[in-house]
C-alpha cells in the first residue's frame, strides 16, 4: 500500500507513537451497536477507487482503516484523528489517501488491493464502531473461452465437463439459445465456471456457451456443440 507518514498543524508526529496510541484506544474503547459499514465496491484494475463509509456516526474523534478483516496494527493503512488544535491525517503520500471525511482513495488499484477492509471509528465516551466492506478488482478487458472434456459421448455411459475460462466476475450459461436449466444429472461448480453432466443423455445434445460480464460490459464465448451417440 505504500509508506505511511503523519502530518499535523504542529509538525510531524512519529508513526510508532501513533501505533501506541492506537493500542490504548483499542483497549479502552468499547464497540457500539450502530451499523457502520464500508460500501462494498467494484473497481477496474489500474483505475482510482473510492471506499465510502455507510452510516458514519456524528462526533467522530478519529478513525482507522485496516486492510483485511481485523484490527491488527500491522494492517493499518490509513488514519484520521481530530484533536483540539490538531488534525492528524495519514498517509500523506503514496497510492492510498484518506479524505477529510474519512473515506479512502486508492490510486491505480491492483489485484493485490482486492479483499476485505475494516474501519474503526472512535467516538466520545470511550466508544467505537467497527465496520467492514469488500473491494473487488477486475480486469477491464474481458477474456472468455469454453472448452469441453469431450464433444462426442455415449448416452448413459460417458461424463462430460464443460469449463468456462474467463476473467469475468459473472458467468451465465446458455443451452440452444436459452437459459440453461439444471437437472439432477448436472452439477454446477460454486464459481459457475464448470458444468458437469453425469451421465450424459440424448436430450443433453446441443449447443452450449457461457455469457460473461463485469460492471464495464459483457461478451459471449464461442459455442461448444455436444454430440451424444445412442442405440
Protein backbone atom coordinates (compact mmCIF):
# COMPACT_ATOMS: atom_id res chain seq x y z
CA UNK A 1 0.00 0.00 0.00
CA UNK A 2 2.99 2.31 0.26
CA UNK A 3 4.73 4.20 3.02
CA UNK A 4 2.80 5.92 5.79
CA UNK A 5 3.50 9.27 7.36
CA UNK A 6 1.64 11.67 9.62
CA UNK A 7 1.26 15.41 9.21
CA UNK A 8 -0.39 17.90 11.58
CA UNK A 9 -0.81 21.61 12.21
CA UNK A 10 2.02 21.34 14.72
CA UNK A 11 4.52 19.47 12.59
CA UNK A 12 5.41 15.81 12.22
CA UNK A 13 4.18 13.09 14.55
CA UNK A 14 6.13 9.84 14.77
CA UNK A 15 4.29 6.84 13.30
CA UNK A 16 5.36 4.44 16.07
CA UNK A 17 3.99 6.84 18.65
CA UNK A 18 0.69 6.81 16.87
CA UNK A 19 0.59 2.99 16.98
CA UNK A 20 0.99 3.11 20.75
CA UNK A 21 -1.98 5.46 20.93
CA UNK A 22 -3.99 3.07 18.76
CA UNK A 23 -3.28 0.20 21.14
CA UNK A 24 -4.56 2.24 24.07
CA UNK A 25 -7.69 3.27 22.19
CA UNK A 26 -8.48 -0.33 21.27
CA UNK A 27 -8.03 -1.37 24.90
CA UNK A 28 -10.23 1.33 26.47
CA UNK A 29 -12.90 1.83 23.78
CA UNK A 30 -15.91 -0.48 23.66
CA UNK A 31 -17.80 -1.05 20.39
CA UNK A 32 -21.34 0.31 19.97
CA UNK A 33 -24.19 -1.40 18.12
CA UNK A 34 -24.57 1.04 15.19
CA UNK A 35 -24.46 -0.45 11.72
CA UNK A 36 -21.32 1.24 10.47
CA UNK A 37 -20.12 -0.24 7.19
CA UNK A 38 -17.77 0.27 4.27
CA UNK A 39 -19.64 0.41 0.97
CA UNK A 40 -18.54 -2.70 -0.91
CA UNK A 41 -17.14 -1.59 -4.26
CA UNK A 42 -16.09 -2.92 -7.66
CA UNK A 43 -13.15 -1.30 -9.45
CA UNK A 44 -11.36 -1.81 -12.75
CA UNK A 45 -7.67 -2.62 -12.43
CA UNK A 46 -5.50 0.49 -12.88
CA UNK A 47 -8.27 2.96 -12.02
CA UNK A 48 -8.82 5.12 -8.93
CA UNK A 49 -11.33 3.80 -6.43
CA UNK A 50 -13.16 5.43 -3.50
CA UNK A 51 -14.17 3.39 -0.44
CA UNK A 52 -17.06 5.29 1.11
CA UNK A 53 -18.43 4.99 4.64
CA UNK A 54 -22.05 3.98 5.26
CA UNK A 55 -23.81 5.14 8.45
CA UNK A 56 -20.87 7.19 9.68
CA UNK A 57 -21.71 8.46 13.18
CA UNK A 58 -21.53 12.05 14.35
CA UNK A 59 -18.86 13.49 16.66
CA UNK A 60 -16.06 11.28 15.36
CA UNK A 61 -12.73 11.85 17.14
CA UNK A 62 -10.71 9.52 14.93
CA UNK A 63 -10.83 6.60 12.58
CA UNK A 64 -8.54 3.83 11.36
CA UNK A 65 -8.53 1.86 8.11
CA UNK A 66 -7.19 -1.70 8.01
CA UNK A 67 -6.51 -3.99 5.06
CA UNK A 68 -8.18 -7.28 5.83
CA UNK A 69 -10.86 -8.36 8.26
CA UNK A 70 -9.43 -7.47 11.66
CA UNK A 71 -7.62 -4.79 13.60
CA UNK A 72 -4.02 -5.98 13.80
CA UNK A 73 -1.67 -2.97 13.98
CA UNK A 74 0.46 -4.20 11.10
CA UNK A 75 -2.57 -3.98 8.80
CA UNK A 76 -3.24 -0.26 9.38
CA UNK A 77 -3.18 1.56 6.06
CA UNK A 78 -4.61 5.00 6.90
CA UNK A 79 -5.91 7.06 9.81
CA UNK A 80 -7.54 10.36 10.66
CA UNK A 81 -7.74 11.95 14.12
CA UNK A 82 -9.26 15.22 15.26
CA UNK A 83 -7.98 16.86 18.44
CA UNK A 84 -8.24 20.41 19.76
CA UNK A 85 -5.88 22.48 17.63
CA UNK A 86 -4.61 19.44 15.78
CA UNK A 87 -5.72 17.39 12.81
CA UNK A 88 -3.71 14.26 12.02
CA UNK A 89 -4.08 12.51 8.72
CA UNK A 90 -2.04 9.77 7.08
CA UNK A 91 -0.62 8.56 4.87
CA UNK A 92 0.33 11.91 3.36
CA UNK A 93 1.60 10.41 0.10
CA UNK A 94 1.53 7.24 -1.95
CA UNK A 95 -1.30 5.34 -3.64
CA UNK A 96 -3.50 5.39 -0.55
CA UNK A 97 -5.05 8.68 0.58
CA UNK A 98 -7.61 9.32 3.30
CA UNK A 99 -10.01 12.20 2.75
CA UNK A 100 -11.08 14.65 5.42
CA UNK A 101 -14.49 12.94 5.59
CA UNK A 102 -12.75 9.63 6.36
CA UNK A 103 -13.31 7.93 3.00
CA UNK A 104 -10.37 6.10 1.45
CA UNK A 105 -8.91 6.61 -2.01
CA UNK A 106 -6.69 4.00 -3.68
CA UNK A 107 -4.94 5.17 -6.83
CA UNK A 108 -4.06 2.77 -9.64
CA UNK A 109 -5.82 -0.07 -7.89
CA UNK A 110 -4.40 -3.57 -8.42
CA UNK A 111 -5.48 -7.15 -7.76
CA UNK A 112 -3.36 -7.03 -4.57
CA UNK A 113 -5.72 -4.35 -3.20
CA UNK A 114 -8.77 -6.61 -3.51
CA UNK A 115 -10.33 -8.14 -0.41
CA UNK A 116 -11.92 -7.16 2.86
CA UNK A 117 -11.32 -3.84 4.62
CA UNK A 118 -12.01 -2.91 8.24
CA UNK A 119 -12.86 0.56 9.55
CA UNK A 120 -12.76 1.54 13.22
CA UNK A 121 -14.41 4.85 14.19
CA UNK A 122 -13.68 6.33 17.61
CA UNK A 123 -16.32 8.38 19.42
CA UNK A 124 -16.59 10.33 22.64
CA UNK A 125 -17.24 8.44 25.86
CA UNK A 126 -14.72 5.68 25.12
CA UNK A 127 -16.88 4.15 22.41
CA UNK A 128 -16.06 2.86 18.96
CA UNK A 129 -17.82 1.41 15.96
CA UNK A 130 -16.42 -1.20 13.59
CA UNK A 131 -17.49 -1.72 10.00
CA UNK A 132 -16.43 -3.96 7.14
CA UNK A 133 -16.59 -3.89 3.37
CA UNK A 134 -15.19 -5.66 0.34
CA UNK A 135 -13.26 -4.31 -2.62
CA UNK A 136 -13.44 -6.40 -5.80
CA UNK A 137 -10.91 -5.61 -8.53
CA UNK A 138 -11.48 -6.88 -12.04
CA UNK A 139 -9.63 -6.73 -15.34
CA UNK A 140 -11.31 -4.23 -17.67
CA UNK A 141 -10.84 -6.34 -20.81
CA UNK A 142 -12.98 -9.48 -20.79
CA UNK A 143 -11.48 -12.80 -21.87
CA UNK A 144 -13.55 -15.97 -22.28
CA UNK A 145 -13.31 -19.42 -23.83
CA UNK A 146 -15.44 -22.52 -23.41
CA UNK A 147 -13.89 -26.00 -23.57
CA UNK A 148 -15.32 -29.49 -23.17
CA UNK A 149 -13.65 -32.64 -21.86
CA UNK A 150 -15.20 -34.40 -24.86
CA UNK A 151 -17.66 -33.27 -27.53
CA UNK A 152 -18.76 -36.73 -28.72
CA UNK A 153 -20.02 -39.01 -25.96
CA UNK A 154 -22.16 -42.10 -25.49
CA UNK A 155 -25.53 -41.94 -23.76
CA UNK A 156 -25.77 -43.32 -20.21
CA UNK A 157 -22.08 -44.19 -20.29
CA UNK A 158 -19.92 -41.07 -20.50
CA UNK A 159 -19.47 -37.93 -18.43
CA UNK A 160 -18.70 -34.53 -19.89
CA UNK A 161 -17.26 -31.44 -18.18
CA UNK A 162 -17.70 -28.00 -19.76
CA UNK A 163 -15.37 -25.30 -18.45
CA UNK A 164 -15.79 -21.56 -18.96
CA UNK A 165 -12.32 -19.99 -18.72
CA UNK A 166 -12.70 -16.28 -18.03
CA UNK A 167 -11.51 -13.31 -16.00
CA UNK A 168 -15.07 -12.00 -15.64
CA UNK A 169 -16.94 -11.55 -12.37
CA UNK A 170 -20.21 -13.09 -13.53
CA UNK A 171 -20.91 -16.19 -15.63
CA UNK A 172 -24.24 -17.17 -17.17
CA UNK A 173 -24.81 -20.46 -19.06
CA UNK A 174 -26.96 -20.97 -22.14
CA UNK A 175 -28.12 -24.08 -23.98
CA UNK A 176 -29.55 -23.98 -27.51
CA UNK A 177 -30.18 -20.23 -27.22
CA UNK A 178 -31.98 -20.36 -23.88
CA UNK A 179 -31.00 -20.12 -20.23
CA UNK A 180 -29.58 -23.45 -19.10
CA UNK A 181 -31.88 -25.29 -16.70
CA UNK A 182 -30.03 -27.75 -14.49
CA UNK A 183 -31.36 -31.25 -13.99
CA UNK A 184 -30.42 -33.89 -11.41
CA UNK A 185 -27.58 -35.17 -13.64
CA UNK A 186 -25.98 -31.74 -13.91
CA UNK A 187 -23.71 -30.14 -11.35
CA UNK A 188 -22.51 -26.53 -11.49
CA UNK A 189 -19.33 -25.54 -9.64
CA UNK A 190 -19.65 -22.96 -6.89
CA UNK A 191 -17.99 -20.27 -9.03
CA UNK A 192 -20.13 -21.25 -12.08
CA UNK A 193 -17.01 -21.89 -14.15
CA UNK A 194 -17.60 -25.58 -14.78
CA UNK A 195 -20.63 -27.71 -15.64
CA UNK A 196 -20.56 -31.48 -15.18
CA UNK A 197 -23.13 -33.77 -16.80
CA UNK A 198 -23.04 -37.33 -15.43
CA UNK A 199 -24.16 -39.42 -17.18
CA UNK A 200 -24.91 -37.74 -20.48
CA UNK A 201 -28.25 -38.42 -22.17
CA UNK A 202 -29.55 -37.71 -25.65
CA UNK A 203 -31.51 -34.65 -24.54
CA UNK A 204 -28.20 -33.05 -23.49
CA UNK A 205 -27.03 -32.91 -27.11
CA UNK A 206 -26.86 -29.39 -28.50
CA UNK A 207 -25.07 -26.08 -28.32
CA UNK A 208 -23.61 -24.71 -25.07
CA UNK A 209 -21.93 -21.39 -24.38
CA UNK A 210 -21.25 -19.03 -21.49
CA UNK A 211 -22.07 -15.35 -21.31
CA UNK A 212 -19.71 -13.41 -19.03
CA UNK A 213 -19.76 -9.88 -17.68
CA UNK A 214 -18.33 -7.31 -15.29
CA UNK A 215 -19.54 -3.76 -14.48
CA UNK A 216 -17.99 -2.47 -17.71
CA UNK A 217 -19.66 -4.85 -20.17
CA UNK A 218 -20.35 -8.41 -21.30
CA UNK A 219 -19.38 -10.89 -24.00
CA UNK A 220 -20.07 -14.48 -25.09
CA UNK A 221 -17.82 -17.46 -25.64
CA UNK A 222 -17.75 -19.38 -28.90
CA UNK A 223 -20.30 -22.21 -28.60
CA UNK A 224 -19.42 -25.83 -27.99
CA UNK A 225 -21.60 -28.43 -29.70
CA UNK A 226 -22.13 -31.65 -27.78
CA UNK A 227 -22.91 -34.80 -29.79
CA UNK A 228 -24.48 -37.76 -27.99
CA UNK A 229 -24.38 -41.26 -29.53
CA UNK A 230 -27.11 -43.72 -28.59
CA UNK A 231 -28.50 -47.03 -29.69
